[in-house]
Amino acid sequence: MSMILTKYIEKEQQIKNLQDQLDKLKENPSFQLEMKFKERLTDLMSEFGKTKKEVVILLEPQTKTKALPGQGQGKMRKQRKLKIYRNPETGDVIETRGGNHNTLKHWKEKYGVETVDSWLVKEGI
């Protein structure tokens, strides 16, 4: 047999196996109950003109809904102020918007937090 024909027969067998698995799922009482619930919920949403997002907010108002697919972005966090530090010993300058800067961490370990904080040249922007 040719390779193409062999692959075709294998794919047919895979389709048959998948169809059998699908049929077994459809016969499962738990699956049937879930599908019935989904259909009724969808009908209710249509009847009252509600979206998935609105239903989630109605059921759990504290839930952040920006994670739902197809929805816009939520509020963005305000950008941190730029801080500029100057090391008086080396003259090196660091500009950072947070405390996670590697060189700044190294300075704080070497010279101490209070000393490095005193090297703050400018804050803002």
PDB file of N, CA and C in Angstrom:
ATOM      1  N   MET A   1       0.831  -1.180   0.000  1.00  0.00           N
ATOM      2  CA  MET A   1       0.000   0.000   0.000  1.00  0.00           C
ATOM      3  C   MET A   1       0.878   1.246   0.000  1.00  0.00           C
ATOM      4  N   SER A   2       0.365   2.285  -0.616  1.00  0.00           N
ATOM      5  CA  SER A   2       1.127   3.529  -0.652  1.00  0.00           C
ATOM      6  C   SER A   2       1.016   4.239   0.692  1.00  0.00           C
ATOM      7  N   MET A   3       1.942   5.159   0.933  1.00  0.00           N
ATOM      8  CA  MET A   3       1.963   5.929   2.193  1.00  0.00           C
ATOM      9  C   MET A   3       0.707   6.772   2.331  1.00  0.00           C
ATOM     10  N   ILE A   4       0.267   7.344   1.242  1.00  0.00           N
ATOM     11  CA  ILE A   4      -0.915   8.206   1.287  1.00  0.00           C
ATOM     12  C   ILE A   4      -2.147   7.397   1.667  1.00  0.00           C
ATOM     13  N   LEU A   5      -2.298   6.238   1.056  1.00  0.00           N
ATOM     14  CA  LEU A   5      -3.442   5.387   1.359  1.00  0.00           C
ATOM     15  C   LEU A   5      -3.391   4.903   2.811  1.00  0.00           C
ATOM     16  N   THR A   6      -2.205   4.569   3.304  1.00  0.00           N
ATOM     17  CA  THR A   6      -2.038   4.137   4.687  1.00  0.00           C
ATOM     18  C   THR A   6      -2.440   5.245   5.652  1.00  0.00           C
ATOM     19  N   LYS A   7      -1.976   6.467   5.371  1.00  0.00           N
ATOM     20  CA  LYS A   7      -2.334   7.602   6.219  1.00  0.00           C
ATOM     21  C   LYS A   7      -3.837   7.844   6.202  1.00  0.00           C
ATOM     22  N   TYR A   8      -4.455   7.713   5.039  1.00  0.00           N
ATOM     23  CA  TYR A   8      -5.887   7.922   4.911  1.00  0.00           C
ATOM     24  C   TYR A   8      -6.658   6.913   5.771  1.00  0.00           C
ATOM     25  N   ILE A   9      -6.257   5.664   5.710  1.00  0.00           N
ATOM     26  CA  ILE A   9      -6.921   4.610   6.488  1.00  0.00           C
ATOM     27  C   ILE A   9      -6.749   4.867   7.987  1.00  0.00           C
ATOM     28  N   GLU A  10      -5.535   5.296   8.396  1.00  0.00           N
ATOM     29  CA  GLU A  10      -5.287   5.609   9.803  1.00  0.00           C
ATOM     30  C   GLU A  10      -6.185   6.753  10.270  1.00  0.00           C
ATOM     31  N   LYS A  11      -6.300   7.782   9.453  1.00  0.00           N
ATOM     32  CA  LYS A  11      -7.124   8.943   9.809  1.00  0.00           C
ATOM     33  C   LYS A  11      -8.598   8.554   9.896  1.00  0.00           C
ATOM     34  N   GLU A  12      -9.045   7.703   8.998  1.00  0.00           N
ATOM     35  CA  GLU A  12     -10.430   7.222   9.059  1.00  0.00           C
ATOM     36  C   GLU A  12     -10.690   6.496  10.366  1.00  0.00           C
ATOM     37  N   GLN A  13      -9.730   5.667  10.771  1.00  0.00           N
ATOM     38  CA  GLN A  13      -9.861   4.910  12.018  1.00  0.00           C
ATOM     39  C   GLN A  13      -9.893   5.866  13.214  1.00  0.00           C
ATOM     40  N   GLN A  14      -9.036   6.896  13.173  1.00  0.00           N
ATOM     41  CA  GLN A  14      -9.023   7.877  14.256  1.00  0.00           C
ATOM     42  C   GLN A  14     -10.359   8.608  14.345  1.00  0.00           C
ATOM     43  N   ILE A  15     -10.911   8.959  13.189  1.00  0.00           N
ATOM     44  CA  ILE A  15     -12.220   9.627  13.160  1.00  0.00           C
ATOM     45  C   ILE A  15     -13.285   8.723  13.762  1.00  0.00           C
ATOM     46  N   LYS A  16     -13.245   7.451  13.411  1.00  0.00           N
ATOM     47  CA  LYS A  16     -14.220   6.503  13.935  1.00  0.00           C
ATOM     48  C   LYS A  16     -14.093   6.391  15.462  1.00  0.00           C
ATOM     49  N   ASN A  17     -12.854   6.313  15.944  1.00  0.00           N
ATOM     50  CA  ASN A  17     -12.621   6.228  17.395  1.00  0.00           C
ATOM     51  C   ASN A  17     -13.124   7.486  18.113  1.00  0.00           C
ATOM     52  N   LEU A  18     -12.841   8.650  17.539  1.00  0.00           N
ATOM     53  CA  LEU A  18     -13.300   9.903  18.136  1.00  0.00           C
ATOM     54  C   LEU A  18     -14.824   9.994  18.133  1.00  0.00           C
ATOM     55  N   GLN A  19     -15.440   9.536  17.057  1.00  0.00           N
ATOM     56  CA  GLN A  19     -16.899   9.558  16.974  1.00  0.00           C
ATOM     57  C   GLN A  19     -17.510   8.646  18.041  1.00  0.00           C
ATOM     58  N   ASP A  20     -16.888   7.482  18.273  1.00  0.00           N
ATOM     59  CA  ASP A  20     -17.356   6.580  19.325  1.00  0.00           C
ATOM     60  C   ASP A  20     -17.254   7.242  20.700  1.00  0.00           C
ATOM     61  N   GLN A  21     -16.133   7.930  20.955  1.00  0.00           N
ATOM     62  CA  GLN A  21     -15.947   8.620  22.234  1.00  0.00           C
ATOM     63  C   GLN A  21     -16.985   9.727  22.403  1.00  0.00           C
ATOM     64  N   LEU A  22     -17.243  10.455  21.315  1.00  0.00           N
ATOM     65  CA  LEU A  22     -18.235  11.521  21.346  1.00  0.00           C
ATOM     66  C   LEU A  22     -19.627  10.971  21.648  1.00  0.00           C
ATOM     67  N   ASP A  23     -19.968   9.854  21.025  1.00  0.00           N
ATOM     68  CA  ASP A  23     -21.268   9.228  21.273  1.00  0.00           C
ATOM     69  C   ASP A  23     -21.408   8.787  22.735  1.00  0.00           C
ATOM     70  N   LYS A  24     -20.317   8.258  23.312  1.00  0.00           N
ATOM     71  CA  LYS A  24     -20.353   7.844  24.716  1.00  0.00           C
ATOM     72  C   LYS A  24     -20.569   9.055  25.627  1.00  0.00           C
ATOM     73  N   LEU A  25     -19.907  10.168  25.299  1.00  0.00           N
ATOM     74  CA  LEU A  25     -20.097  11.386  26.091  1.00  0.00           C
ATOM     75  C   LEU A  25     -21.541  11.864  26.026  1.00  0.00           C
ATOM     76  N   LYS A  26     -22.122  11.820  24.847  1.00  0.00           N
ATOM     77  CA  LYS A  26     -23.508  12.274  24.676  1.00  0.00           C
ATOM     78  C   LYS A  26     -24.483  11.430  25.485  1.00  0.00           C
ATOM     79  N   GLU A  27     -24.155  10.157  25.695  1.00  0.00           N
ATOM     80  CA  GLU A  27     -25.016   9.261  26.461  1.00  0.00           C
ATOM     81  C   GLU A  27     -24.829   9.421  27.974  1.00  0.00           C
ATOM     82  N   ASN A  28     -23.772  10.060  28.397  1.00  0.00           N
ATOM     83  CA  ASN A  28     -23.465  10.245  29.808  1.00  0.00           C
ATOM     84  C   ASN A  28     -24.508  11.156  30.458  1.00  0.00           C
ATOM     85  N   PRO A  29     -25.163  10.703  31.545  1.00  0.00           N
ATOM     86  CA  PRO A  29     -26.200  11.508  32.201  1.00  0.00           C
ATOM     87  C   PRO A  29     -25.680  12.856  32.717  1.00  0.00           C
ATOM     88  N   SER A  30     -24.462  12.896  33.207  1.00  0.00           N
ATOM     89  CA  SER A  30     -23.888  14.153  33.690  1.00  0.00           C
ATOM     90  C   SER A  30     -23.745  15.157  32.550  1.00  0.00           C
ATOM     91  N   PHE A  31     -23.289  14.671  31.407  1.00  0.00           N
ATOM     92  CA  PHE A  31     -23.144  15.539  30.237  1.00  0.00           C
ATOM     93  C   PHE A  31     -24.507  16.071  29.796  1.00  0.00           C
ATOM     94  N   GLN A  32     -25.489  15.192  29.759  1.00  0.00           N
ATOM     95  CA  GLN A  32     -26.830  15.599  29.342  1.00  0.00           C
ATOM     96  C   GLN A  32     -27.389  16.682  30.271  1.00  0.00           C
ATOM     97  N   LEU A  33     -27.155  16.516  31.578  1.00  0.00           N
ATOM     98  CA  LEU A  33     -27.621  17.501  32.547  1.00  0.00           C
ATOM     99  C   LEU A  33     -26.922  18.849  32.331  1.00  0.00           C
ATOM    100  N   GLU A  34     -25.616  18.803  32.099  1.00  0.00           N
ATOM    101  CA  GLU A  34     -24.851  20.036  31.847  1.00  0.00           C
ATOM    102  C   GLU A  34     -25.356  20.738  30.593  1.00  0.00           C
ATOM    103  N   MET A  35     -25.604  19.984  29.539  1.00  0.00           N
ATOM    104  CA  MET A  35     -26.078  20.572  28.284  1.00  0.00           C
ATOM    105  C   MET A  35     -27.463  21.182  28.460  1.00  0.00           C
ATOM    106  N   LYS A  36     -28.312  20.510  29.213  1.00  0.00           N
ATOM    107  CA  LYS A  36     -29.656  21.018  29.466  1.00  0.00           C
ATOM    108  C   LYS A  36     -29.578  22.350  30.223  1.00  0.00           C
ATOM    109  N   PHE A  37     -28.712  22.398  31.218  1.00  0.00           N
ATOM    110  CA  PHE A  37     -28.512  23.625  31.991  1.00  0.00           C
ATOM    111  C   PHE A  37     -28.006  24.748  31.091  1.00  0.00           C
ATOM    112  N   LYS A  38     -27.012  24.446  30.271  1.00  0.00           N
ATOM    113  CA  LYS A  38     -26.434  25.455  29.374  1.00  0.00           C
ATOM    114  C   LYS A  38     -27.488  25.998  28.412  1.00  0.00           C
ATOM    115  N   GLU A  39     -28.292  25.115  27.857  1.00  0.00           N
ATOM    116  CA  GLU A  39     -29.332  25.540  26.914  1.00  0.00           C
ATOM    117  C   GLU A  39     -30.358  26.438  27.605  1.00  0.00           C
ATOM    118  N   ARG A  40     -30.790  26.050  28.806  1.00  0.00           N
ATOM    119  CA  ARG A  40     -31.773  26.860  29.534  1.00  0.00           C
ATOM    120  C   ARG A  40     -31.194  28.220  29.914  1.00  0.00           C
ATOM    121  N   LEU A  41     -29.922  28.214  30.343  1.00  0.00           N
ATOM    122  CA  LEU A  41     -29.268  29.466  30.710  1.00  0.00           C
ATOM    123  C   LEU A  41     -29.144  30.390  29.501  1.00  0.00           C
ATOM    124  N   THR A  42     -28.758  29.827  28.365  1.00  0.00           N
ATOM    125  CA  THR A  42     -28.655  30.605  27.137  1.00  0.00           C
ATOM    126  C   THR A  42     -30.010  31.176  26.737  1.00  0.00           C
ATOM    127  N   ASP A  43     -31.058  30.371  26.860  1.00  0.00           N
ATOM    128  CA  ASP A  43     -32.412  30.846  26.552  1.00  0.00           C
ATOM    129  C   ASP A  43     -32.815  31.992  27.481  1.00  0.00           C
ATOM    130  N   LEU A  44     -32.523  31.842  28.769  1.00  0.00           N
ATOM    131  CA  LEU A  44     -32.846  32.899  29.731  1.00  0.00           C
ATOM    132  C   LEU A  44     -32.084  34.191  29.417  1.00  0.00           C
ATOM    133  N   MET A  45     -30.811  34.053  29.084  1.00  0.00           N
ATOM    134  CA  MET A  45     -30.016  35.229  28.748  1.00  0.00           C
ATOM    135  C   MET A  45     -30.599  35.938  27.530  1.00  0.00           C
ATOM    136  N   SER A  46     -31.025  35.168  26.537  1.00  0.00           N
ATOM    137  CA  SER A  46     -31.643  35.753  25.345  1.00  0.00           C
ATOM    138  C   SER A  46     -32.971  36.416  25.681  1.00  0.00           C
ATOM    139  N   GLU A  47     -33.759  35.737  26.485  1.00  0.00           N
ATOM    140  CA  GLU A  47     -35.080  36.255  26.844  1.00  0.00           C
ATOM    141  C   GLU A  47     -34.986  37.604  27.551  1.00  0.00           C
ATOM    142  N   PHE A  48     -33.976  37.749  28.431  1.00  0.00           N
ATOM    143  CA  PHE A  48     -33.844  38.978  29.191  1.00  0.00           C
ATOM    144  C   PHE A  48     -32.792  39.928  28.618  1.00  0.00           C
ATOM    145  N   GLY A  49     -32.180  39.552  27.507  1.00  0.00           N
ATOM    146  CA  GLY A  49     -31.197  40.420  26.859  1.00  0.00           C
ATOM    147  C   GLY A  49     -29.942  40.649  27.681  1.00  0.00           C
ATOM    148  N   LYS A  50     -29.452  39.605  28.316  1.00  0.00           N
ATOM    149  CA  LYS A  50     -28.265  39.726  29.164  1.00  0.00           C
ATOM    150  C   LYS A  50     -27.067  39.045  28.502  1.00  0.00           C
ATOM    151  N   THR A  51     -25.872  39.587  28.772  1.00  0.00           N
ATOM    152  CA  THR A  51     -24.629  38.999  28.270  1.00  0.00           C
ATOM    153  C   THR A  51     -23.999  38.137  29.347  1.00  0.00           C
ATOM    154  N   LYS A  52     -22.973  37.381  28.977  1.00  0.00           N
ATOM    155  CA  LYS A  52     -22.260  36.554  29.959  1.00  0.00           C
ATOM    156  C   LYS A  52     -21.671  37.429  31.055  1.00  0.00           C
ATOM    157  N   LYS A  53     -21.100  38.556  30.660  1.00  0.00           N
ATOM    158  CA  LYS A  53     -20.487  39.458  31.635  1.00  0.00           C
ATOM    159  C   LYS A  53     -21.519  39.963  32.639  1.00  0.00           C
ATOM    160  N   GLU A  54     -22.689  40.343  32.149  1.00  0.00           N
ATOM    161  CA  GLU A  54     -23.738  40.843  33.033  1.00  0.00           C
ATOM    162  C   GLU A  54     -24.209  39.766  34.009  1.00  0.00           C
ATOM    163  N   VAL A  55     -24.290  38.536  33.551  1.00  0.00           N
ATOM    164  CA  VAL A  55     -24.718  37.431  34.420  1.00  0.00           C
ATOM    165  C   VAL A  55     -23.674  37.184  35.500  1.00  0.00           C
ATOM    166  N   VAL A  56     -22.399  37.219  35.127  1.00  0.00           N
ATOM    167  CA  VAL A  56     -21.338  37.005  36.111  1.00  0.00           C
ATOM    168  C   VAL A  56     -21.368  38.113  37.155  1.00  0.00           C
ATOM    169  N   ILE A  57     -21.530  39.356  36.717  1.00  0.00           N
ATOM    170  CA  ILE A  57     -21.592  40.469  37.662  1.00  0.00           C
ATOM    171  C   ILE A  57     -22.804  40.333  38.572  1.00  0.00           C
ATOM    172  N   LEU A  58     -23.927  39.887  38.025  1.00  0.00           N
ATOM    173  CA  LEU A  58     -25.143  39.702  38.812  1.00  0.00           C
ATOM    174  C   LEU A  58     -24.948  38.624  39.877  1.00  0.00           C
ATOM    175  N   LEU A  59     -24.289  37.529  39.512  1.00  0.00           N
ATOM    176  CA  LEU A  59     -24.103  36.420  40.443  1.00  0.00           C
ATOM    177  C   LEU A  59     -22.991  36.685  41.453  1.00  0.00           C
ATOM    178  N   GLU A  60     -21.900  37.321  41.019  1.00  0.00           N
ATOM    179  CA  GLU A  60     -20.773  37.613  41.902  1.00  0.00           C
ATOM    180  C   GLU A  60     -20.263  39.016  41.622  1.00  0.00           C
ATOM    181  N   PRO A  61     -20.849  40.018  42.253  1.00  0.00           N
ATOM    182  CA  PRO A  61     -20.485  41.405  41.963  1.00  0.00           C
ATOM    183  C   PRO A  61     -19.017  41.738  42.237  1.00  0.00           C
ATOM    184  N   GLN A  62     -18.386  41.045  43.175  1.00  0.00           N
ATOM    185  CA  GLN A  62     -16.997  41.355  43.498  1.00  0.00           C
ATOM    186  C   GLN A  62     -16.008  40.734  42.514  1.00  0.00           C
ATOM    187  N   THR A  63     -16.468  39.861  41.621  1.00  0.00           N
ATOM    188  CA  THR A  63     -15.587  39.209  40.662  1.00  0.00           C
ATOM    189  C   THR A  63     -15.095  40.213  39.643  1.00  0.00           C
ATOM    190  N   LYS A  64     -13.798  40.166  39.363  1.00  0.00           N
ATOM    191  CA  LYS A  64     -13.233  41.023  38.324  1.00  0.00           C
ATOM    192  C   LYS A  64     -13.564  40.383  36.988  1.00  0.00           C
ATOM    193  N   THR A  65     -14.279  41.095  36.163  1.00  0.00           N
ATOM    194  CA  THR A  65     -14.754  40.517  34.910  1.00  0.00           C
ATOM    195  C   THR A  65     -13.849  40.818  33.737  1.00  0.00           C
ATOM    196  N   LYS A  66     -12.758  41.549  33.937  1.00  0.00           N
ATOM    197  CA  LYS A  66     -11.912  41.874  32.798  1.00  0.00           C
ATOM    198  C   LYS A  66     -11.222  40.635  32.232  1.00  0.00           C
ATOM    199  N   ALA A  67     -11.224  39.517  32.971  1.00  0.00           N
ATOM    200  CA  ALA A  67     -10.604  38.297  32.496  1.00  0.00           C
ATOM    201  C   ALA A  67     -11.492  37.537  31.509  1.00  0.00           C
ATOM    202  N   LEU A  68     -12.749  37.965  31.370  1.00  0.00           N
ATOM    203  CA  LEU A  68     -13.630  37.280  30.437  1.00  0.00           C
ATOM    204  C   LEU A  68     -13.186  37.537  29.010  1.00  0.00           C
ATOM    205  N   PRO A  69     -13.232  36.518  28.167  1.00  0.00           N
ATOM    206  CA  PRO A  69     -12.788  36.708  26.788  1.00  0.00           C
ATOM    207  C   PRO A  69     -13.683  37.691  26.042  1.00  0.00           C
ATOM    208  N   GLY A  70     -13.047  38.456  25.165  1.00  0.00           N
ATOM    209  CA  GLY A  70     -13.794  39.376  24.327  1.00  0.00           C
ATOM    210  C   GLY A  70     -14.160  40.682  24.992  1.00  0.00           C
ATOM    211  N   GLN A  71     -13.701  40.901  26.197  1.00  0.00           N
ATOM    212  CA  GLN A  71     -14.035  42.129  26.903  1.00  0.00           C
ATOM    213  C   GLN A  71     -12.871  43.102  26.815  1.00  0.00           C
ATOM    214  N   GLY A  72     -13.147  44.391  26.993  1.00  0.00           N
ATOM    215  CA  GLY A  72     -12.123  45.423  26.951  1.00  0.00           C
ATOM    216  C   GLY A  72     -11.233  45.364  28.167  1.00  0.00           C
ATOM    217  N   GLN A  73     -10.191  46.155  28.126  1.00  0.00           N
ATOM    218  CA  GLN A  73      -9.253  46.206  29.243  1.00  0.00           C
ATOM    219  C   GLN A  73      -9.878  46.926  30.425  1.00  0.00           C
ATOM    220  N   GLY A  74      -9.489  46.529  31.624  1.00  0.00           N
ATOM    221  CA  GLY A  74      -9.941  47.203  32.830  1.00  0.00           C
ATOM    222  C   GLY A  74      -9.095  48.446  33.053  1.00  0.00           C
ATOM    223  N   LYS A  75      -9.245  49.059  34.211  1.00  0.00           N
ATOM    224  CA  LYS A  75      -8.458  50.238  34.518  1.00  0.00           C
ATOM    225  C   LYS A  75      -7.003  49.850  34.663  1.00  0.00           C
ATOM    226  N   MET A  76      -6.139  50.716  34.149  1.00  0.00           N
ATOM    227  CA  MET A  76      -4.707  50.458  34.275  1.00  0.00           C
ATOM    228  C   MET A  76      -4.196  51.114  35.549  1.00  0.00           C
ATOM    229  N   ARG A  77      -3.171  50.529  36.118  1.00  0.00           N
ATOM    230  CA  ARG A  77      -2.574  51.071  37.322  1.00  0.00           C
ATOM    231  C   ARG A  77      -1.808  52.345  36.971  1.00  0.00           C
ATOM    232  N   LYS A  78      -1.855  53.301  37.858  1.00  0.00           N
ATOM    233  CA  LYS A  78      -1.164  54.554  37.652  1.00  0.00           C
ATOM    234  C   LYS A  78       0.341  54.301  37.614  1.00  0.00           C
ATOM    235  N   GLN A  79       1.013  54.961  36.686  1.00  0.00           N
ATOM    236  CA  GLN A  79       2.447  54.763  36.547  1.00  0.00           C
ATOM    237  C   GLN A  79       3.178  55.369  37.744  1.00  0.00           C
ATOM    238  N   ARG A  80       4.188  54.662  38.225  1.00  0.00           N
ATOM    239  CA  ARG A  80       4.950  55.139  39.377  1.00  0.00           C
ATOM    240  C   ARG A  80       5.826  56.320  38.980  1.00  0.00           C
ATOM    241  N   LYS A  81       6.163  57.115  39.984  1.00  0.00           N
ATOM    242  CA  LYS A  81       7.005  58.284  39.742  1.00  0.00           C
ATOM    243  C   LYS A  81       8.439  57.847  39.487  1.00  0.00           C
ATOM    244  N   LEU A  82       9.090  58.569  38.588  1.00  0.00           N
ATOM    245  CA  LEU A  82      10.490  58.297  38.279  1.00  0.00           C
ATOM    246  C   LEU A  82      11.357  58.811  39.425  1.00  0.00           C
ATOM    247  N   LYS A  83      12.290  57.977  39.857  1.00  0.00           N
ATOM    248  CA  LYS A  83      13.236  58.379  40.894  1.00  0.00           C
ATOM    249  C   LYS A  83      14.634  58.290  40.300  1.00  0.00           C
ATOM    250  N   ILE A  84      15.424  59.307  40.579  1.00  0.00           N
ATOM    251  CA  ILE A  84      16.793  59.350  40.063  1.00  0.00           C
ATOM    252  C   ILE A  84      17.741  59.362  41.262  1.00  0.00           C
ATOM    253  N   TYR A  85      18.631  58.380  41.288  1.00  0.00           N
ATOM    254  CA  TYR A  85      19.623  58.255  42.353  1.00  0.00           C
ATOM    255  C   TYR A  85      21.009  58.495  41.752  1.00  0.00           C
ATOM    256  N   ARG A  86      21.893  59.171  42.543  1.00  0.00           N
ATOM    257  CA  ARG A  86      23.276  59.365  42.108  1.00  0.00           C
ATOM    258  C   ARG A  86      24.195  58.883  43.222  1.00  0.00           C
ATOM    259  N   ASN A  87      25.077  57.944  42.871  1.00  0.00           N
ATOM    260  CA  ASN A  87      26.047  57.418  43.822  1.00  0.00           C
ATOM    261  C   ASN A  87      27.190  58.428  43.917  1.00  0.00           C
ATOM    262  N   PRO A  88      27.391  59.028  45.099  1.00  0.00           N
ATOM    263  CA  PRO A  88      28.430  60.056  45.229  1.00  0.00           C
ATOM    264  C   PRO A  88      29.851  59.503  45.092  1.00  0.00           C
ATOM    265  N   GLU A  89      30.038  58.231  45.360  1.00  0.00           N
ATOM    266  CA  GLU A  89      31.378  57.638  45.277  1.00  0.00           C
ATOM    267  C   GLU A  89      31.795  57.383  43.834  1.00  0.00           C
ATOM    268  N   THR A  90      30.843  56.847  43.033  1.00  0.00           N
ATOM    269  CA  THR A  90      31.187  56.466  41.659  1.00  0.00           C
ATOM    270  C   THR A  90      30.646  57.440  40.619  1.00  0.00           C
ATOM    271  N   GLY A  91      29.664  58.244  41.011  1.00  0.00           N
ATOM    272  CA  GLY A  91      29.042  59.166  40.066  1.00  0.00           C
ATOM    273  C   GLY A  91      27.994  58.497  39.183  1.00  0.00           C
ATOM    274  N   ASP A  92      27.751  57.198  39.402  1.00  0.00           N
ATOM    275  CA  ASP A  92      26.749  56.480  38.610  1.00  0.00           C
ATOM    276  C   ASP A  92      25.354  57.015  38.911  1.00  0.00           C
ATOM    277  N   VAL A  93      24.519  57.043  37.872  1.00  0.00           N
ATOM    278  CA  VAL A  93      23.148  57.527  38.005  1.00  0.00           C
ATOM    279  C   VAL A  93      22.190  56.407  37.622  1.00  0.00           C
ATOM    280  N   ILE A  94      21.138  56.260  38.430  1.00  0.00           N
ATOM    281  CA  ILE A  94      20.107  55.260  38.150  1.00  0.00           C
ATOM    282  C   ILE A  94      18.769  55.984  38.069  1.00  0.00           C
ATOM    283  N   GLU A  95      18.005  55.662  37.034  1.00  0.00           N
ATOM    284  CA  GLU A  95      16.635  56.157  36.905  1.00  0.00           C
ATOM    285  C   GLU A  95      15.722  54.947  36.995  1.00  0.00           C
ATOM    286  N   THR A  96      14.791  54.956  37.940  1.00  0.00           N
ATOM    287  CA  THR A  96      13.913  53.805  38.136  1.00  0.00           C
ATOM    288  C   THR A  96      12.523  54.252  38.563  1.00  0.00           C
ATOM    289  N   ARG A  97      11.558  53.403  38.274  1.00  0.00           N
ATOM    290  CA  ARG A  97      10.170  53.658  38.687  1.00  0.00           C
ATOM    291  C   ARG A  97       9.743  52.667  39.768  1.00  0.00           C
ATOM    292  N   GLY A  98      10.667  51.861  40.257  1.00  0.00           N
ATOM    293  CA  GLY A  98      10.335  50.894  41.296  1.00  0.00           C
ATOM    294  C   GLY A  98      11.588  50.451  42.010  1.00  0.00           C
ATOM    295  N   GLY A  99      11.428  49.672  43.050  1.00  0.00           N
ATOM    296  CA  GLY A  99      12.571  49.223  43.842  1.00  0.00           C
ATOM    297  C   GLY A  99      13.176  47.927  43.354  1.00  0.00           C
ATOM    298  N   ASN A 100      12.830  47.497  42.160  1.00  0.00           N
ATOM    299  CA  ASN A 100      13.277  46.206  41.672  1.00  0.00           C
ATOM    300  C   ASN A 100      14.479  46.329  40.739  1.00  0.00           C
ATOM    301  N   HIS A 101      15.146  47.462  40.743  1.00  0.00           N
ATOM    302  CA  HIS A 101      16.298  47.705  39.880  1.00  0.00           C
ATOM    303  C   HIS A 101      17.509  46.987  40.470  1.00  0.00           C
ATOM    304  N   ASN A 102      18.198  46.195  39.666  1.00  0.00           N
ATOM    305  CA  ASN A 102      19.291  45.367  40.182  1.00  0.00           C
ATOM    306  C   ASN A 102      20.420  46.182  40.805  1.00  0.00           C
ATOM    307  N   THR A 103      20.839  47.244  40.132  1.00  0.00           N
ATOM    308  CA  THR A 103      21.923  48.055  40.675  1.00  0.00           C
ATOM    309  C   THR A 103      21.485  48.729  41.968  1.00  0.00           C
ATOM    310  N   LEU A 104      20.249  49.206  42.009  1.00  0.00           N
ATOM    311  CA  LEU A 104      19.733  49.840  43.221  1.00  0.00           C
ATOM    312  C   LEU A 104      19.721  48.843  44.379  1.00  0.00           C
ATOM    313  N   LYS A 105      19.314  47.614  44.099  1.00  0.00           N
ATOM    314  CA  LYS A 105      19.331  46.571  45.138  1.00  0.00           C
ATOM    315  C   LYS A 105      20.757  46.343  45.643  1.00  0.00           C
ATOM    316  N   HIS A 106      21.693  46.273  44.703  1.00  0.00           N
ATOM    317  CA  HIS A 106      23.100  46.043  45.060  1.00  0.00           C
ATOM    318  C   HIS A 106      23.606  47.173  45.952  1.00  0.00           C
ATOM    319  N   TRP A 107      23.295  48.416  45.591  1.00  0.00           N
ATOM    320  CA  TRP A 107      23.709  49.561  46.401  1.00  0.00           C
ATOM    321  C   TRP A 107      23.113  49.473  47.798  1.00  0.00           C
ATOM    322  N   LYS A 108      21.835  49.117  47.887  1.00  0.00           N
ATOM    323  CA  LYS A 108      21.182  49.047  49.195  1.00  0.00           C
ATOM    324  C   LYS A 108      21.792  47.960  50.070  1.00  0.00           C
ATOM    325  N   GLU A 109      22.213  46.859  49.454  1.00  0.00           N
ATOM    326  CA  GLU A 109      22.894  45.805  50.223  1.00  0.00           C
ATOM    327  C   GLU A 109      24.266  46.277  50.693  1.00  0.00           C
ATOM    328  N   LYS A 110      24.973  46.975  49.828  1.00  0.00           N
ATOM    329  CA  LYS A 110      26.346  47.386  50.124  1.00  0.00           C
ATOM    330  C   LYS A 110      26.404  48.577  51.078  1.00  0.00           C
ATOM    331  N   TYR A 111      25.572  49.616  50.828  1.00  0.00           N
ATOM    332  CA  TYR A 111      25.665  50.853  51.592  1.00  0.00           C
ATOM    333  C   TYR A 111      24.559  51.023  52.631  1.00  0.00           C
ATOM    334  N   GLY A 112      23.498  50.249  52.507  1.00  0.00           N
ATOM    335  CA  GLY A 112      22.365  50.387  53.423  1.00  0.00           C
ATOM    336  C   GLY A 112      21.250  51.188  52.780  1.00  0.00           C
ATOM    337  N   VAL A 113      20.026  50.847  53.158  1.00  0.00           N
ATOM    338  CA  VAL A 113      18.837  51.457  52.553  1.00  0.00           C
ATOM    339  C   VAL A 113      18.788  52.964  52.821  1.00  0.00           C
ATOM    340  N   GLU A 114      19.044  53.368  54.068  1.00  0.00           N
ATOM    341  CA  GLU A 114      18.952  54.783  54.423  1.00  0.00           C
ATOM    342  C   GLU A 114      19.967  55.620  53.659  1.00  0.00           C
ATOM    343  N   THR A 115      21.173  55.093  53.516  1.00  0.00           N
ATOM    344  CA  THR A 115      22.217  55.824  52.797  1.00  0.00           C
ATOM    345  C   THR A 115      21.836  56.004  51.338  1.00  0.00           C
ATOM    346  N   VAL A 116      21.385  54.922  50.702  1.00  0.00           N
ATOM    347  CA  VAL A 116      21.011  54.992  49.290  1.00  0.00           C
ATOM    348  C   VAL A 116      19.814  55.910  49.112  1.00  0.00           C
ATOM    349  N   ASP A 117      18.852  55.865  50.036  1.00  0.00           N
ATOM    350  CA  ASP A 117      17.698  56.765  49.944  1.00  0.00           C
ATOM    351  C   ASP A 117      18.130  58.229  50.023  1.00  0.00           C
ATOM    352  N   SER A 118      19.223  58.502  50.704  1.00  0.00           N
ATOM    353  CA  SER A 118      19.704  59.881  50.779  1.00  0.00           C
ATOM    354  C   SER A 118      20.346  60.344  49.465  1.00  0.00           C
ATOM    355  N   TRP A 119      20.617  59.413  48.574  1.00  0.00           N
ATOM    356  CA  TRP A 119      21.204  59.745  47.271  1.00  0.00           C
ATOM    357  C   TRP A 119      20.141  60.128  46.239  1.00  0.00           C
ATOM    358  N   LEU A 120      18.887  60.152  46.640  1.00  0.00           N
ATOM    359  CA  LEU A 120      17.800  60.498  45.727  1.00  0.00           C
ATOM    360  C   LEU A 120      17.979  61.940  45.270  1.00  0.00           C
ATOM    361  N   VAL A 121      18.173  62.109  43.971  1.00  0.00           N
ATOM    362  CA  VAL A 121      18.418  63.421  43.392  1.00  0.00           C
ATOM    363  C   VAL A 121      17.108  64.099  43.006  1.00  0.00           C
ATOM    364  N   LYS A 122      16.239  63.318  42.357  1.00  0.00           N
ATOM    365  CA  LYS A 122      15.007  63.897  41.849  1.00  0.00           C
ATOM    366  C   LYS A 122      13.915  62.849  41.882  1.00  0.00           C
ATOM    367  N   GLU A 123      12.718  63.282  42.278  1.00  0.00           N
ATOM    368  CA  GLU A 123      11.563  62.388  42.280  1.00  0.00           C
ATOM    369  C   GLU A 123      10.419  63.104  41.599  1.00  0.00           C
ATOM    370  N   GLY A 124       9.701  62.381  40.790  1.00  0.00           N
ATOM    371  CA  GLY A 124       8.565  62.968  40.101  1.00  0.00           C
ATOM    372  C   GLY A 124       8.452  62.466  38.685  1.00  0.00           C
ATOM    373  N   ILE A 125       7.998  63.302  37.823  1.00  0.00           N
ATOM    374  CA  ILE A 125       7.817  63.054  36.395  1.00  0.00           C
ATOM    375  C   ILE A 125       6.782  61.999  36.129  1.00  0.00           C
TER     376      ILE A 125
END
